[in-house]
């Protein structure tokens, strides 16, 4: 099969590519699943609530993976990014904070998922905690994404680089 696809041009995937590909999962997924959680709460539908807390627990696991792909990506950055050492550091620091918040979210969501059974309704205080941790996690993920965007989108940085 003839062609000039990126594989024929010597394109290789590295940790930077992987990080850029997977980092959107928690940034988009957690707010969407929070909407499902709210919907389930408003409908008082235990199946939807259980689905939402289960998905949040899985997204928390994925977020830890996203953080590690970022850790592996940093050494692979070449000299072009030397001038962006500040934004990279800000992105890493924000990522640590977001990962911690999402870890706590995943822990609360996982406990809620495990405790929920057909004969026992979901704990309302635990669901409120999951929701609040989800909102905090979303805010921290957006902040992390902003700093990440500055790395490859200098127009986002106030100094314009």
N, C-alpha and C. Protein backbone atom coordinates (compact mmCIF):
# COMPACT_ATOMS: atom_id res chain seq x y z
N UNK A 1 0.85 -1.16 0.00
CA UNK A 1 0.00 0.00 0.00
C UNK A 1 0.90 1.24 0.00
N UNK A 2 0.84 2.00 -1.05
CA UNK A 2 1.68 3.20 -1.16
C UNK A 2 1.03 4.34 -0.40
N UNK A 3 1.87 5.25 0.07
CA UNK A 3 1.35 6.41 0.78
C UNK A 3 2.45 7.16 1.48
N UNK A 4 2.10 8.30 1.93
CA UNK A 4 3.08 9.13 2.65
C UNK A 4 2.61 9.36 4.07
N UNK A 5 2.05 8.33 4.69
CA UNK A 5 1.56 8.45 6.06
C UNK A 5 2.69 8.73 7.03
N UNK A 6 2.31 9.13 8.24
CA UNK A 6 3.31 9.50 9.23
C UNK A 6 4.21 8.34 9.61
N UNK A 7 3.75 7.09 9.49
CA UNK A 7 4.62 5.96 9.80
C UNK A 7 5.73 5.82 8.77
N UNK A 8 5.44 6.13 7.53
CA UNK A 8 6.46 6.06 6.48
C UNK A 8 7.45 7.20 6.58
N UNK A 9 7.09 8.26 7.31
CA UNK A 9 7.98 9.42 7.45
C UNK A 9 8.85 9.32 8.69
N UNK A 10 8.92 8.16 9.30
CA UNK A 10 9.79 7.97 10.45
C UNK A 10 9.20 8.44 11.77
N UNK A 11 7.90 8.60 11.83
CA UNK A 11 7.24 9.03 13.06
C UNK A 11 7.32 7.92 14.10
N UNK A 12 7.76 8.27 15.29
CA UNK A 12 7.77 7.31 16.39
C UNK A 12 7.02 7.91 17.57
N UNK A 13 6.35 7.07 18.28
CA UNK A 13 5.59 7.51 19.44
C UNK A 13 6.51 7.49 20.66
N UNK A 14 6.48 8.56 21.44
CA UNK A 14 7.23 8.60 22.68
C UNK A 14 6.29 9.01 23.82
N UNK A 15 6.83 9.17 25.02
CA UNK A 15 5.99 9.49 26.17
C UNK A 15 5.31 10.84 26.04
N UNK A 16 5.92 11.78 25.34
CA UNK A 16 5.27 13.07 25.13
C UNK A 16 3.97 12.87 24.34
N UNK A 17 4.03 12.07 23.28
CA UNK A 17 2.83 11.79 22.49
C UNK A 17 1.76 11.10 23.32
N UNK A 18 2.19 10.12 24.10
CA UNK A 18 1.23 9.38 24.92
C UNK A 18 0.57 10.33 25.93
N UNK A 19 1.38 11.17 26.57
CA UNK A 19 0.84 12.10 27.56
C UNK A 19 -0.16 13.06 26.91
N UNK A 20 0.20 13.59 25.75
CA UNK A 20 -0.70 14.51 25.06
C UNK A 20 -1.99 13.80 24.62
N UNK A 21 -1.91 12.52 24.34
CA UNK A 21 -3.10 11.79 23.90
C UNK A 21 -4.04 11.45 25.06
N UNK A 22 -3.48 11.08 26.22
CA UNK A 22 -4.33 10.59 27.31
C UNK A 22 -4.72 11.65 28.33
N UNK A 23 -4.07 12.81 28.29
CA UNK A 23 -4.36 13.79 29.35
C UNK A 23 -5.76 14.38 29.27
N UNK A 24 -6.42 14.23 28.15
CA UNK A 24 -7.78 14.77 28.02
C UNK A 24 -8.82 13.90 28.72
N UNK A 25 -8.49 12.65 28.96
CA UNK A 25 -9.45 11.73 29.56
C UNK A 25 -10.01 12.25 30.89
N UNK A 26 -9.18 12.58 31.88
CA UNK A 26 -9.77 13.07 33.14
C UNK A 26 -10.33 14.48 33.01
N UNK A 27 -9.71 15.32 32.20
CA UNK A 27 -10.16 16.72 32.08
C UNK A 27 -11.57 16.79 31.52
N UNK A 28 -11.88 15.92 30.59
CA UNK A 28 -13.22 15.89 29.99
C UNK A 28 -14.11 14.88 30.71
N UNK A 29 -13.55 13.74 31.08
CA UNK A 29 -14.34 12.66 31.65
C UNK A 29 -14.93 12.97 33.02
N UNK A 30 -14.14 13.54 33.91
CA UNK A 30 -14.64 13.77 35.27
C UNK A 30 -15.83 14.73 35.29
N UNK A 31 -15.77 15.88 34.60
CA UNK A 31 -16.97 16.74 34.60
C UNK A 31 -18.19 16.07 33.97
N UNK A 32 -17.98 15.29 32.92
CA UNK A 32 -19.11 14.59 32.30
C UNK A 32 -19.73 13.58 33.26
N UNK A 33 -18.89 12.84 33.96
CA UNK A 33 -19.41 11.84 34.89
C UNK A 33 -20.04 12.53 36.11
N UNK A 34 -19.54 13.69 36.50
CA UNK A 34 -20.20 14.45 37.57
C UNK A 34 -21.62 14.83 37.15
N UNK A 35 -21.79 15.17 35.89
CA UNK A 35 -23.14 15.48 35.39
C UNK A 35 -24.04 14.24 35.48
N UNK A 36 -23.49 13.07 35.19
CA UNK A 36 -24.24 11.83 35.33
C UNK A 36 -24.59 11.60 36.80
N UNK A 37 -23.65 11.88 37.69
CA UNK A 37 -23.89 11.73 39.13
C UNK A 37 -25.04 12.64 39.58
N UNK A 38 -25.02 13.89 39.15
CA UNK A 38 -26.09 14.83 39.51
C UNK A 38 -27.42 14.34 38.94
N UNK A 39 -27.41 13.89 37.70
CA UNK A 39 -28.63 13.37 37.08
C UNK A 39 -29.18 12.20 37.88
N UNK A 40 -28.30 11.28 38.24
CA UNK A 40 -28.72 10.13 39.04
C UNK A 40 -29.25 10.53 40.40
N UNK A 41 -28.63 11.55 41.00
CA UNK A 41 -29.11 12.03 42.29
C UNK A 41 -30.48 12.68 42.19
N UNK A 42 -30.66 13.48 41.15
CA UNK A 42 -31.96 14.14 40.95
C UNK A 42 -33.06 13.12 40.67
N UNK A 43 -32.72 12.08 39.94
CA UNK A 43 -33.70 11.03 39.61
C UNK A 43 -33.83 9.98 40.72
N UNK A 44 -32.92 10.06 41.69
CA UNK A 44 -32.85 9.08 42.78
C UNK A 44 -32.75 7.65 42.21
N UNK A 45 -31.89 7.53 41.20
CA UNK A 45 -31.72 6.26 40.51
C UNK A 45 -30.40 5.63 40.97
N UNK A 46 -30.51 4.58 41.76
CA UNK A 46 -29.33 3.92 42.32
C UNK A 46 -28.41 3.34 41.25
N UNK A 47 -28.97 2.85 40.16
CA UNK A 47 -28.13 2.29 39.09
C UNK A 47 -27.27 3.37 38.45
N UNK A 48 -27.84 4.54 38.20
CA UNK A 48 -27.08 5.64 37.61
C UNK A 48 -26.03 6.13 38.60
N UNK A 49 -26.39 6.25 39.87
CA UNK A 49 -25.42 6.68 40.89
C UNK A 49 -24.26 5.69 40.98
N UNK A 50 -24.58 4.41 40.97
CA UNK A 50 -23.52 3.39 41.04
C UNK A 50 -22.63 3.45 39.80
N UNK A 51 -23.24 3.64 38.64
CA UNK A 51 -22.45 3.79 37.42
C UNK A 51 -21.51 4.99 37.53
N UNK A 52 -22.03 6.11 38.00
CA UNK A 52 -21.23 7.33 38.08
C UNK A 52 -20.05 7.17 39.04
N UNK A 53 -20.29 6.62 40.24
CA UNK A 53 -19.18 6.49 41.18
C UNK A 53 -18.17 5.46 40.69
N UNK A 54 -18.64 4.43 40.01
CA UNK A 54 -17.71 3.45 39.42
C UNK A 54 -16.84 4.07 38.34
N UNK A 55 -17.46 4.88 37.48
CA UNK A 55 -16.69 5.55 36.43
C UNK A 55 -15.70 6.56 37.02
N UNK A 56 -16.10 7.26 38.07
CA UNK A 56 -15.18 8.21 38.71
C UNK A 56 -13.98 7.48 39.31
N UNK A 57 -14.21 6.32 39.89
CA UNK A 57 -13.10 5.53 40.43
C UNK A 57 -12.16 5.10 39.31
N UNK A 58 -12.71 4.67 38.18
CA UNK A 58 -11.86 4.29 37.04
C UNK A 58 -11.11 5.48 36.47
N UNK A 59 -11.77 6.63 36.38
CA UNK A 59 -11.09 7.84 35.89
C UNK A 59 -9.96 8.26 36.82
N UNK A 60 -10.13 8.02 38.11
CA UNK A 60 -9.06 8.33 39.05
C UNK A 60 -7.84 7.46 38.78
N UNK A 61 -8.06 6.19 38.50
CA UNK A 61 -6.94 5.31 38.14
C UNK A 61 -6.27 5.79 36.86
N UNK A 62 -7.08 6.20 35.89
CA UNK A 62 -6.52 6.69 34.63
C UNK A 62 -5.73 7.98 34.86
N UNK A 63 -6.17 8.81 35.78
CA UNK A 63 -5.48 10.08 36.05
C UNK A 63 -4.09 9.84 36.62
N UNK A 64 -3.97 8.84 37.46
CA UNK A 64 -2.64 8.50 37.98
C UNK A 64 -1.74 8.09 36.81
N UNK A 65 -2.29 7.35 35.87
CA UNK A 65 -1.53 6.98 34.67
C UNK A 65 -1.13 8.20 33.86
N UNK A 66 -2.03 9.17 33.74
CA UNK A 66 -1.73 10.40 33.01
C UNK A 66 -0.56 11.13 33.66
N UNK A 67 -0.57 11.18 34.99
CA UNK A 67 0.51 11.86 35.72
C UNK A 67 1.85 11.19 35.43
N UNK A 68 1.86 9.86 35.42
CA UNK A 68 3.11 9.17 35.17
C UNK A 68 3.58 9.30 33.72
N UNK A 69 2.65 9.37 32.77
CA UNK A 69 3.11 9.60 31.39
C UNK A 69 3.77 10.97 31.29
N UNK A 70 3.28 11.93 32.05
CA UNK A 70 3.92 13.25 32.09
C UNK A 70 5.30 13.18 32.69
N UNK A 71 5.45 12.41 33.77
CA UNK A 71 6.77 12.24 34.39
C UNK A 71 7.76 11.62 33.41
N UNK A 72 7.30 10.64 32.63
CA UNK A 72 8.17 9.99 31.66
C UNK A 72 8.45 10.90 30.46
N UNK A 73 7.54 11.83 30.18
CA UNK A 73 7.68 12.71 29.02
C UNK A 73 8.72 13.80 29.24
N UNK A 74 8.87 14.28 30.46
CA UNK A 74 9.75 15.43 30.72
C UNK A 74 11.17 15.21 30.21
N UNK A 75 11.81 14.06 30.48
CA UNK A 75 13.18 13.88 29.98
C UNK A 75 13.27 13.85 28.45
N UNK A 76 12.16 13.61 27.78
CA UNK A 76 12.19 13.50 26.32
C UNK A 76 12.02 14.85 25.61
N UNK A 77 11.78 15.91 26.39
CA UNK A 77 11.66 17.23 25.77
C UNK A 77 13.04 17.67 25.29
N UNK A 78 13.07 18.24 24.13
CA UNK A 78 14.37 18.65 23.59
C UNK A 78 14.64 20.12 23.92
N UNK A 79 15.73 20.64 23.38
CA UNK A 79 16.18 21.99 23.66
C UNK A 79 15.21 23.09 23.30
N UNK A 80 14.22 22.79 22.46
CA UNK A 80 13.25 23.82 22.08
C UNK A 80 12.45 24.33 23.27
N UNK A 81 12.38 23.55 24.32
CA UNK A 81 11.54 23.90 25.45
C UNK A 81 12.31 24.50 26.63
N UNK A 82 13.59 24.80 26.44
CA UNK A 82 14.39 25.36 27.52
C UNK A 82 13.78 26.68 28.01
N UNK A 83 13.28 27.50 27.10
CA UNK A 83 12.70 28.78 27.49
C UNK A 83 11.37 28.61 28.20
N UNK A 84 10.82 27.41 28.19
CA UNK A 84 9.53 27.16 28.82
C UNK A 84 9.67 26.38 30.13
N UNK A 85 10.86 26.46 30.73
CA UNK A 85 11.10 25.72 31.97
C UNK A 85 10.11 26.13 33.06
N UNK A 86 9.77 27.42 33.13
CA UNK A 86 8.80 27.91 34.12
C UNK A 86 7.42 27.30 33.92
N UNK A 87 6.85 27.41 32.71
CA UNK A 87 5.53 26.79 32.50
C UNK A 87 5.53 25.27 32.69
N UNK A 88 6.61 24.61 32.32
CA UNK A 88 6.68 23.16 32.52
C UNK A 88 6.65 22.85 34.02
N UNK A 89 7.40 23.62 34.79
CA UNK A 89 7.41 23.44 36.24
C UNK A 89 6.03 23.72 36.84
N UNK A 90 5.37 24.78 36.37
CA UNK A 90 4.02 25.10 36.84
C UNK A 90 3.05 23.96 36.49
N UNK A 91 3.18 23.43 35.29
CA UNK A 91 2.32 22.34 34.85
C UNK A 91 2.53 21.10 35.72
N UNK A 92 3.80 20.78 36.00
CA UNK A 92 4.10 19.62 36.84
C UNK A 92 3.53 19.79 38.25
N UNK A 93 3.72 20.97 38.81
CA UNK A 93 3.22 21.24 40.16
C UNK A 93 1.68 21.17 40.20
N UNK A 94 1.04 21.78 39.22
CA UNK A 94 -0.42 21.72 39.14
C UNK A 94 -0.89 20.29 38.95
N UNK A 95 -0.14 19.51 38.16
CA UNK A 95 -0.48 18.11 37.94
C UNK A 95 -0.41 17.29 39.21
N UNK A 96 0.58 17.57 40.04
CA UNK A 96 0.69 16.88 41.34
C UNK A 96 -0.53 17.17 42.20
N UNK A 97 -0.92 18.45 42.25
CA UNK A 97 -2.09 18.84 43.06
C UNK A 97 -3.36 18.20 42.51
N UNK A 98 -3.54 18.25 41.20
CA UNK A 98 -4.74 17.67 40.59
C UNK A 98 -4.78 16.16 40.81
N UNK A 99 -3.64 15.50 40.67
CA UNK A 99 -3.60 14.05 40.87
C UNK A 99 -3.96 13.68 42.30
N UNK A 100 -3.49 14.47 43.26
CA UNK A 100 -3.84 14.22 44.66
C UNK A 100 -5.34 14.35 44.87
N UNK A 101 -5.93 15.42 44.33
CA UNK A 101 -7.37 15.63 44.47
C UNK A 101 -8.15 14.50 43.80
N UNK A 102 -7.72 14.10 42.61
CA UNK A 102 -8.43 13.04 41.89
C UNK A 102 -8.24 11.70 42.60
N UNK A 103 -7.10 11.49 43.21
CA UNK A 103 -6.89 10.27 43.99
C UNK A 103 -7.91 10.20 45.13
N UNK A 104 -8.08 11.33 45.85
CA UNK A 104 -9.06 11.37 46.94
C UNK A 104 -10.48 11.17 46.40
N UNK A 105 -10.76 11.77 45.25
CA UNK A 105 -12.06 11.56 44.59
C UNK A 105 -12.26 10.08 44.29
N UNK A 106 -11.25 9.45 43.70
CA UNK A 106 -11.34 8.03 43.36
C UNK A 106 -11.52 7.15 44.58
N UNK A 107 -10.85 7.51 45.66
CA UNK A 107 -10.98 6.76 46.90
C UNK A 107 -12.42 6.84 47.43
N UNK A 108 -12.96 8.06 47.49
CA UNK A 108 -14.34 8.24 47.96
C UNK A 108 -15.33 7.55 47.01
N UNK A 109 -15.11 7.69 45.71
CA UNK A 109 -16.01 7.06 44.73
C UNK A 109 -15.93 5.54 44.81
N UNK A 110 -14.73 5.02 44.98
CA UNK A 110 -14.56 3.57 45.11
C UNK A 110 -15.24 3.02 46.35
N UNK A 111 -15.11 3.74 47.47
CA UNK A 111 -15.78 3.32 48.70
C UNK A 111 -17.29 3.35 48.49
N UNK A 112 -17.78 4.40 47.85
CA UNK A 112 -19.22 4.50 47.58
C UNK A 112 -19.68 3.36 46.69
N UNK A 113 -18.90 3.04 45.67
CA UNK A 113 -19.26 1.97 44.74
C UNK A 113 -19.30 0.62 45.47
N UNK A 114 -18.31 0.38 46.32
CA UNK A 114 -18.25 -0.90 47.05
C UNK A 114 -19.40 -1.01 48.04
N UNK A 115 -19.73 0.08 48.70
CA UNK A 115 -20.79 0.05 49.73
C UNK A 115 -22.19 -0.07 49.14
N UNK A 116 -22.37 0.31 47.89
CA UNK A 116 -23.70 0.31 47.29
C UNK A 116 -24.05 -1.09 46.82
N UNK A 117 -25.20 -1.54 47.27
CA UNK A 117 -25.72 -2.85 46.87
C UNK A 117 -27.21 -2.68 46.56
N UNK A 118 -27.79 -3.63 45.86
CA UNK A 118 -29.22 -3.52 45.56
C UNK A 118 -30.09 -3.38 46.81
N UNK A 119 -29.65 -3.98 47.92
CA UNK A 119 -30.46 -3.92 49.14
C UNK A 119 -30.10 -2.74 50.04
N UNK A 120 -29.08 -1.96 49.66
CA UNK A 120 -28.66 -0.83 50.49
C UNK A 120 -28.43 0.38 49.59
N UNK A 121 -29.17 1.48 49.82
CA UNK A 121 -29.02 2.66 48.96
C UNK A 121 -27.66 3.34 49.17
N UNK A 122 -27.30 4.13 48.20
CA UNK A 122 -26.05 4.87 48.25
C UNK A 122 -26.10 5.89 49.39
N UNK A 123 -25.01 6.03 50.09
CA UNK A 123 -24.92 6.97 51.21
C UNK A 123 -24.92 8.40 50.68
N UNK A 124 -25.92 9.19 51.09
CA UNK A 124 -26.02 10.58 50.62
C UNK A 124 -24.81 11.41 51.05
N UNK A 125 -24.36 11.34 52.31
CA UNK A 125 -23.18 12.13 52.68
C UNK A 125 -21.93 11.75 51.86
N UNK A 126 -21.80 10.47 51.57
CA UNK A 126 -20.66 10.03 50.76
C UNK A 126 -20.78 10.54 49.32
N UNK A 127 -22.00 10.55 48.79
CA UNK A 127 -22.21 11.10 47.45
C UNK A 127 -21.92 12.60 47.40
N UNK A 128 -22.29 13.31 48.45
CA UNK A 128 -21.99 14.75 48.52
C UNK A 128 -20.48 14.94 48.55
N UNK A 129 -19.78 14.13 49.32
CA UNK A 129 -18.32 14.20 49.36
C UNK A 129 -17.72 13.92 47.98
N UNK A 130 -18.23 12.90 47.31
CA UNK A 130 -17.75 12.57 45.95
C UNK A 130 -17.98 13.75 45.02
N UNK A 131 -19.15 14.35 45.10
CA UNK A 131 -19.45 15.50 44.24
C UNK A 131 -18.51 16.66 44.51
N UNK A 132 -18.32 17.00 45.79
CA UNK A 132 -17.45 18.14 46.13
C UNK A 132 -16.00 17.87 45.72
N UNK A 133 -15.53 16.66 45.94
CA UNK A 133 -14.18 16.30 45.49
C UNK A 133 -14.09 16.34 43.96
N UNK A 134 -15.17 15.96 43.29
CA UNK A 134 -15.20 16.02 41.83
C UNK A 134 -15.11 17.44 41.31
N UNK A 135 -15.82 18.36 41.96
CA UNK A 135 -15.77 19.77 41.56
C UNK A 135 -14.37 20.33 41.79
N UNK A 136 -13.79 20.04 42.96
CA UNK A 136 -12.43 20.51 43.26
C UNK A 136 -11.43 19.91 42.28
N UNK A 137 -11.57 18.63 42.00
CA UNK A 137 -10.67 17.96 41.05
C UNK A 137 -10.78 18.57 39.66
N UNK A 138 -12.01 18.85 39.24
CA UNK A 138 -12.22 19.46 37.93
C UNK A 138 -11.52 20.81 37.84
N UNK A 139 -11.65 21.62 38.88
CA UNK A 139 -11.00 22.94 38.89
C UNK A 139 -9.48 22.78 38.80
N UNK A 140 -8.93 21.85 39.56
CA UNK A 140 -7.47 21.64 39.53
C UNK A 140 -7.01 21.05 38.19
N UNK A 141 -7.82 20.19 37.60
CA UNK A 141 -7.48 19.64 36.28
C UNK A 141 -7.50 20.72 35.21
N UNK A 142 -8.46 21.62 35.28
CA UNK A 142 -8.52 22.72 34.31
C UNK A 142 -7.29 23.60 34.45
N UNK A 143 -6.91 23.87 35.69
CA UNK A 143 -5.70 24.68 35.94
C UNK A 143 -4.46 23.97 35.36
N UNK A 144 -4.37 22.68 35.60
CA UNK A 144 -3.24 21.91 35.07
C UNK A 144 -3.23 21.93 33.54
N UNK A 145 -4.40 21.76 32.96
CA UNK A 145 -4.51 21.79 31.49
C UNK A 145 -4.11 23.15 30.94
N UNK A 146 -4.46 24.21 31.63
CA UNK A 146 -4.08 25.56 31.20
C UNK A 146 -2.55 25.68 31.14
N UNK A 147 -1.89 25.28 32.23
CA UNK A 147 -0.43 25.35 32.24
C UNK A 147 0.18 24.44 31.18
N UNK A 148 -0.43 23.29 30.94
CA UNK A 148 0.05 22.40 29.89
C UNK A 148 -0.12 23.03 28.52
N UNK A 149 -1.23 23.72 28.32
CA UNK A 149 -1.46 24.40 27.05
C UNK A 149 -0.43 25.49 26.78
N UNK A 150 0.00 26.16 27.84
CA UNK A 150 1.00 27.23 27.68
C UNK A 150 2.30 26.67 27.11
N UNK A 151 2.61 25.42 27.43
CA UNK A 151 3.87 24.82 26.96
C UNK A 151 3.92 24.79 25.43
N UNK A 152 2.85 24.39 24.79
CA UNK A 152 2.85 24.30 23.33
C UNK A 152 2.02 25.38 22.66
N UNK A 153 1.40 26.24 23.44
CA UNK A 153 0.61 27.34 22.89
C UNK A 153 1.06 28.63 23.55
N UNK A 154 2.19 29.17 23.13
CA UNK A 154 2.73 30.36 23.79
C UNK A 154 1.78 31.56 23.75
N UNK A 155 0.81 31.55 22.84
CA UNK A 155 -0.13 32.66 22.79
C UNK A 155 -1.00 32.71 24.04
N UNK A 156 -1.05 31.62 24.82
CA UNK A 156 -1.81 31.60 26.05
C UNK A 156 -1.06 32.27 27.20
N UNK A 157 0.24 32.38 27.08
CA UNK A 157 1.05 32.95 28.15
C UNK A 157 1.03 34.48 28.07
N UNK A 158 0.88 35.15 29.21
CA UNK A 158 0.80 36.62 29.19
C UNK A 158 1.98 37.30 28.51
N UNK A 159 3.18 36.73 28.66
CA UNK A 159 4.35 37.37 28.05
C UNK A 159 4.44 37.10 26.56
N UNK A 160 3.65 36.14 26.07
CA UNK A 160 3.65 35.81 24.66
C UNK A 160 4.88 35.08 24.17
N UNK A 161 5.86 34.86 25.04
CA UNK A 161 7.13 34.20 24.68
C UNK A 161 7.63 34.72 23.38
